[in-house]
Amino acid sequence: MKLRLTVRKDIKGLVQEPFASTPTHWIGMGCHTDMLESTKMAVRNAIKFLNKRYGMDELDCYAFCSMAADLRVTQVADLAKGIHAMIPKSYFVGDNYAKKNTLLL
């Protein structure tokens, strides 16, 4: 299996923390020694991204994430506990979102 990492300088300001995407999901990440802090980091990361990418109000982003984001454990093997917030791109429908959903991070 090959893994390719790319530093995206063309999207400066869109994400500050670790963030990823697949063709179907946006993925906010959080990593901390405390699982609750990791979760908070992942959700805050997702909120910031949705606010900047889609222009949603931060409170709307928070409400959206509470209903739509699926939180998954990334790692627990060492001191760091990782969580990622999976946000389906399929929830953003219509012509005004079509181009925004194609960005791969």
C-alpha atoms as a PDB file:
ATOM      1  CA  MET A   1       0.000   0.000   0.000  1.00  0.00           C
ATOM      2  CA  LYS A   2       1.246   3.468  -0.847  1.00  0.00           C
ATOM      3  CA  LEU A   3       0.437   6.628   1.075  1.00  0.00           C
ATOM      4  CA  ARG A   4       1.021  10.058  -0.387  1.00  0.00           C
ATOM      5  CA  LEU A   5       1.098  13.162   1.781  1.00  0.00           C
ATOM      6  CA  THR A   6       0.856  16.592   0.225  1.00  0.00           C
ATOM      7  CA  VAL A   7       1.392  19.967   1.863  1.00  0.00           C
ATOM      8  CA  ARG A   8      -1.324  22.205   0.406  1.00  0.00           C
ATOM      9  CA  LYS A   9      -0.085  25.799   0.431  1.00  0.00           C
ATOM     10  CA  ASP A  10      -2.902  26.848  -1.920  1.00  0.00           C
ATOM     11  CA  ILE A  11      -5.544  26.533   0.811  1.00  0.00           C
ATOM     12  CA  LYS A  12      -3.824  28.640   3.434  1.00  0.00           C
ATOM     13  CA  GLY A  13      -6.276  29.827   6.070  1.00  0.00           C
ATOM     14  CA  LEU A  14      -8.859  27.134   5.351  1.00  0.00           C
ATOM     15  CA  VAL A  15      -7.475  24.681   7.909  1.00  0.00           C
ATOM     16  CA  GLN A  16      -5.061  25.224  10.768  1.00  0.00           C
ATOM     17  CA  GLU A  17      -5.203  21.859  12.527  1.00  0.00           C
ATOM     18  CA  PRO A  18      -4.857  18.365  11.055  1.00  0.00           C
ATOM     19  CA  PHE A  19      -7.685  17.872   8.584  1.00  0.00           C
ATOM     20  CA  ALA A  20      -8.321  15.436   5.757  1.00  0.00           C
ATOM     21  CA  SER A  21     -10.881  14.569   3.144  1.00  0.00           C
ATOM     22  CA  THR A  22     -12.009  11.662   1.053  1.00  0.00           C
ATOM     23  CA  PRO A  23     -14.275  11.812  -1.978  1.00  0.00           C
ATOM     24  CA  THR A  24     -17.213  11.317   0.437  1.00  0.00           C
ATOM     25  CA  HIS A  25     -16.232  12.961   3.760  1.00  0.00           C
ATOM     26  CA  TRP A  26     -14.533  15.909   5.434  1.00  0.00           C
ATOM     27  CA  ILE A  27     -12.459  14.715   8.408  1.00  0.00           C
ATOM     28  CA  GLY A  28     -11.619  16.932  11.370  1.00  0.00           C
ATOM     29  CA  MET A  29      -8.985  15.463  13.696  1.00  0.00           C
ATOM     30  CA  GLY A  30      -7.983  15.840  17.301  1.00  0.00           C
ATOM     31  CA  CYS A  31      -5.166  14.231  19.267  1.00  0.00           C
ATOM     32  CA  HIS A  32      -4.501  14.623  22.991  1.00  0.00           C
ATOM     33  CA  THR A  33      -3.648  12.474  26.014  1.00  0.00           C
ATOM     34  CA  ASP A  34      -7.252  12.882  27.191  1.00  0.00           C
ATOM     35  CA  MET A  35      -9.975  11.357  24.980  1.00  0.00           C
ATOM     36  CA  LEU A  36     -12.481  14.121  25.788  1.00  0.00           C
ATOM     37  CA  GLU A  37      -9.969  16.804  24.789  1.00  0.00           C
ATOM     38  CA  SER A  38      -9.277  14.913  21.553  1.00  0.00           C
ATOM     39  CA  THR A  39     -13.006  14.902  20.848  1.00  0.00           C
ATOM     40  CA  LYS A  40     -13.328  18.625  21.519  1.00  0.00           C
ATOM     41  CA  MET A  41     -10.380  19.330  19.225  1.00  0.00           C
ATOM     42  CA  ALA A  42     -11.860  17.256  16.378  1.00  0.00           C
ATOM     43  CA  VAL A  43     -15.270  18.928  16.634  1.00  0.00           C
ATOM     44  CA  ARG A  44     -13.798  22.432  16.917  1.00  0.00           C
ATOM     45  CA  ASN A  45     -11.644  21.695  13.890  1.00  0.00           C
ATOM     46  CA  ALA A  46     -14.722  20.571  11.942  1.00  0.00           C
ATOM     47  CA  ILE A  47     -16.667  23.689  13.011  1.00  0.00           C
ATOM     48  CA  LYS A  48     -13.866  26.017  11.885  1.00  0.00           C
ATOM     49  CA  PHE A  49     -13.615  24.244   8.543  1.00  0.00           C
ATOM     50  CA  LEU A  50     -17.363  24.349   7.829  1.00  0.00           C
ATOM     51  CA  ASN A  51     -17.469  28.009   8.813  1.00  0.00           C
ATOM     52  CA  LYS A  52     -14.666  28.922   6.405  1.00  0.00           C
ATOM     53  CA  ARG A  53     -15.520  26.544   3.549  1.00  0.00           C
ATOM     54  CA  TYR A  54     -19.293  26.934   3.442  1.00  0.00           C
ATOM     55  CA  GLY A  55     -19.759  30.282   5.196  1.00  0.00           C
ATOM     56  CA  MET A  56     -21.992  28.774   7.854  1.00  0.00           C
ATOM     57  CA  ASP A  57     -22.448  30.587  11.157  1.00  0.00           C
ATOM     58  CA  GLU A  58     -20.347  28.936  13.900  1.00  0.00           C
ATOM     59  CA  LEU A  59     -23.438  28.098  15.993  1.00  0.00           C
ATOM     60  CA  ASP A  60     -25.057  26.504  12.937  1.00  0.00           C
ATOM     61  CA  CYS A  61     -21.835  24.540  12.364  1.00  0.00           C
ATOM     62  CA  TYR A  62     -21.958  23.339  15.973  1.00  0.00           C
ATOM     63  CA  ALA A  63     -25.592  22.251  15.634  1.00  0.00           C
ATOM     64  CA  PHE A  64     -24.850  20.607  12.286  1.00  0.00           C
ATOM     65  CA  CYS A  65     -21.892  18.669  13.705  1.00  0.00           C
ATOM     66  CA  SER A  66     -23.947  17.481  16.676  1.00  0.00           C
ATOM     67  CA  MET A  67     -26.391  15.872  14.245  1.00  0.00           C
ATOM     68  CA  ALA A  68     -24.292  14.960  11.218  1.00  0.00           C
ATOM     69  CA  ALA A  69     -20.702  14.277  12.288  1.00  0.00           C
ATOM     70  CA  ASP A  70     -19.755  10.723  13.140  1.00  0.00           C
ATOM     71  CA  LEU A  71     -16.974  10.612  15.752  1.00  0.00           C
ATOM     72  CA  ARG A  72     -14.519   7.737  15.440  1.00  0.00           C
ATOM     73  CA  VAL A  73     -11.524   6.681  17.471  1.00  0.00           C
ATOM     74  CA  THR A  74      -8.323   7.029  15.479  1.00  0.00           C
ATOM     75  CA  GLN A  75      -5.841   5.669  18.000  1.00  0.00           C
ATOM     76  CA  VAL A  76      -5.443   4.611  21.619  1.00  0.00           C
ATOM     77  CA  ALA A  77      -2.225   2.612  21.320  1.00  0.00           C
ATOM     78  CA  ASP A  78       0.047   5.060  23.124  1.00  0.00           C
ATOM     79  CA  LEU A  79      -0.370   8.116  25.326  1.00  0.00           C
ATOM     80  CA  ALA A  80      -2.033  10.108  22.560  1.00  0.00           C
ATOM     81  CA  LYS A  81      -5.719   9.449  21.985  1.00  0.00           C
ATOM     82  CA  GLY A  82      -6.991  10.324  18.524  1.00  0.00           C
ATOM     83  CA  ILE A  83     -10.516  11.146  17.391  1.00  0.00           C
ATOM     84  CA  HIS A  84     -11.743  12.101  13.961  1.00  0.00           C
ATOM     85  CA  ALA A  85     -15.049  13.721  13.057  1.00  0.00           C
ATOM     86  CA  MET A  86     -16.453  12.352   9.796  1.00  0.00           C
ATOM     87  CA  ILE A  87     -18.732  14.820   7.994  1.00  0.00           C
ATOM     88  CA  PRO A  88     -20.530  13.449   4.923  1.00  0.00           C
ATOM     89  CA  LYS A  89     -20.198  15.689   1.884  1.00  0.00           C
ATOM     90  CA  SER A  90     -23.524  14.289   0.663  1.00  0.00           C
ATOM     91  CA  TYR A  91     -25.318  16.609   3.103  1.00  0.00           C
ATOM     92  CA  PHE A  92     -24.189  19.579   1.020  1.00  0.00           C
ATOM     93  CA  VAL A  93     -26.355  19.377  -2.085  1.00  0.00           C
ATOM     94  CA  GLY A  94     -27.101  21.772  -4.912  1.00  0.00           C
ATOM     95  CA  ASP A  95     -25.175  23.747  -7.455  1.00  0.00           C
ATOM     96  CA  ASN A  96     -23.767  26.161  -4.871  1.00  0.00           C
ATOM     97  CA  TYR A  97     -22.013  23.268  -3.076  1.00  0.00           C
ATOM     98  CA  ALA A  98     -20.988  21.078  -6.014  1.00  0.00           C
ATOM     99  CA  LYS A  99     -17.623  22.766  -6.597  1.00  0.00           C
ATOM    100  CA  LYS A 100     -16.868  23.113  -2.869  1.00  0.00           C
ATOM    101  CA  ASN A 101     -17.381  19.379  -2.292  1.00  0.00           C
ATOM    102  CA  THR A 102     -14.690  18.344  -4.784  1.00  0.00           C
ATOM    103  CA  LEU A 103     -11.755  19.762  -2.802  1.00  0.00           C
ATOM    104  CA  LEU A 104      -9.407  17.044  -1.599  1.00  0.00           C
ATOM    105  CA  LEU A 105      -7.112  17.873   1.286  1.00  0.00           C
END
